[in-house]
Protein backbone atom coordinates (compact mmCIF):
# COMPACT_ATOMS: atom_id res chain seq x y z
CA MET A 1 114.06 107.37 96.91
CA GLU A 2 111.79 110.40 96.47
CA ARG A 3 110.41 113.11 98.64
CA GLN A 4 106.83 114.17 98.89
CA THR A 5 105.48 117.04 100.89
CA CYS A 6 101.68 117.13 101.11
CA ILE A 7 99.64 119.70 102.52
CA PHE A 8 96.17 118.95 103.18
CA SER A 9 93.48 121.45 103.61
CA GLY A 10 89.44 121.31 104.99
CA ASP A 11 88.47 120.13 108.39
CA VAL A 12 91.78 118.59 108.86
CA GLN A 13 92.65 119.50 112.43
CA GLY A 14 90.83 118.08 115.39
CA VAL A 15 89.62 115.01 113.84
CA GLY A 16 92.17 112.20 113.93
CA PHE A 17 94.21 113.18 110.86
CA ARG A 18 97.73 113.15 112.08
CA TYR A 19 96.75 109.87 113.91
CA THR A 20 95.49 108.19 110.98
CA VAL A 21 98.06 109.11 108.81
CA GLN A 22 100.63 107.80 111.24
CA ASN A 23 99.00 104.49 111.59
CA LEU A 24 98.54 104.16 107.45
CA ALA A 25 101.93 105.06 106.96
CA LEU A 26 103.42 102.25 109.11
CA ARG A 27 102.18 99.98 106.79
CA TYR A 28 104.09 101.43 103.93
CA ASN A 29 107.84 101.45 103.25
CA VAL A 30 107.97 105.30 103.90
CA GLN A 31 109.63 107.43 106.52
CA GLY A 32 108.99 110.88 107.63
CA TYR A 33 106.17 112.87 109.64
CA VAL A 34 103.10 114.20 110.11
CA ARG A 35 102.13 117.66 111.67
CA ASN A 36 99.45 120.41 112.10
CA THR A 37 100.32 123.77 110.66
CA PRO A 38 99.62 127.03 112.69
CA ASP A 39 97.05 127.98 109.47
CA GLY A 40 94.93 125.23 110.26
CA ARG A 41 96.06 122.97 107.36
CA VAL A 42 98.13 119.39 107.89
CA GLU A 43 101.78 118.77 106.56
CA LEU A 44 102.74 115.24 105.54
CA VAL A 45 106.57 114.83 104.38
CA MET A 46 107.71 111.59 103.61
CA GLU A 47 110.43 109.75 101.65
CA GLY A 48 110.13 106.31 100.27
CA PRO A 49 109.39 104.45 96.74
CA PRO A 50 107.09 106.40 94.67
CA THR A 51 104.58 103.26 94.40
CA GLU A 52 104.49 103.32 98.34
CA MET A 53 103.99 106.89 98.83
CA ALA A 54 101.35 106.75 96.05
CA SER A 55 99.22 104.06 97.79
CA LEU A 56 99.59 105.66 101.15
CA LEU A 57 98.24 109.15 99.86
CA ARG A 58 95.42 107.04 98.29
CA ASP A 59 94.75 105.34 101.78
CA ILE A 60 94.80 108.58 103.29
CA GLN A 61 92.20 110.26 100.57
CA ASP A 62 89.95 107.20 101.02
CA ARG A 63 90.05 107.09 104.77
CA MET A 64 89.86 110.77 105.33
CA ASN A 65 87.84 112.20 102.53
CA GLY A 66 85.14 113.88 104.22
CA TYR A 67 87.50 116.34 105.99
CA ILE A 68 89.91 116.93 103.07
CA ASN A 69 89.08 119.91 100.46
CA HIS A 70 92.38 119.91 99.06
CA VAL A 71 95.66 118.40 98.77
CA GLN A 72 98.80 119.84 97.41
CA ILE A 73 101.69 117.90 96.70
CA ALA A 74 105.39 118.77 95.85
CA SER A 75 107.91 116.05 94.73
CA SER A 76 111.88 116.39 95.16
CA PRO A 77 114.73 114.35 95.67
CA GLY A 78 114.87 111.97 98.94
CA THR A 79 117.26 112.99 101.63
CA ALA A 80 117.34 109.72 103.66
CA GLU A 81 117.45 112.20 106.50
CA PHE A 82 114.26 110.29 108.25
CA HIS A 83 114.43 106.64 110.09
CA ARG A 84 111.11 106.17 110.81
CA PHE A 85 107.49 107.76 110.64
CA ASN A 86 106.04 109.99 113.65
CA ILE A 87 103.79 112.50 114.31
CA ARG A 88 105.79 115.95 114.92
CA LEU A 89 104.10 118.54 117.51
């Protein structure tokens, strides 16, 4: 299991980005969360099989392409601390 932390920048707040990510994530074998950051970006932290996370990222980029200017992705070992996927406030 692997962890990815993805930071999306662009016009990603106030456009349903978190809800879209949550709905897409429920289709995959991933756990974690998505949240807005104070600086106007969106943070996605997820754990799961690398192929599942890659597919989810592709779906997010396909669905929200017009809002995303840049995605920063950092990988690390999974911690198994998540048991589901949700939106954090």
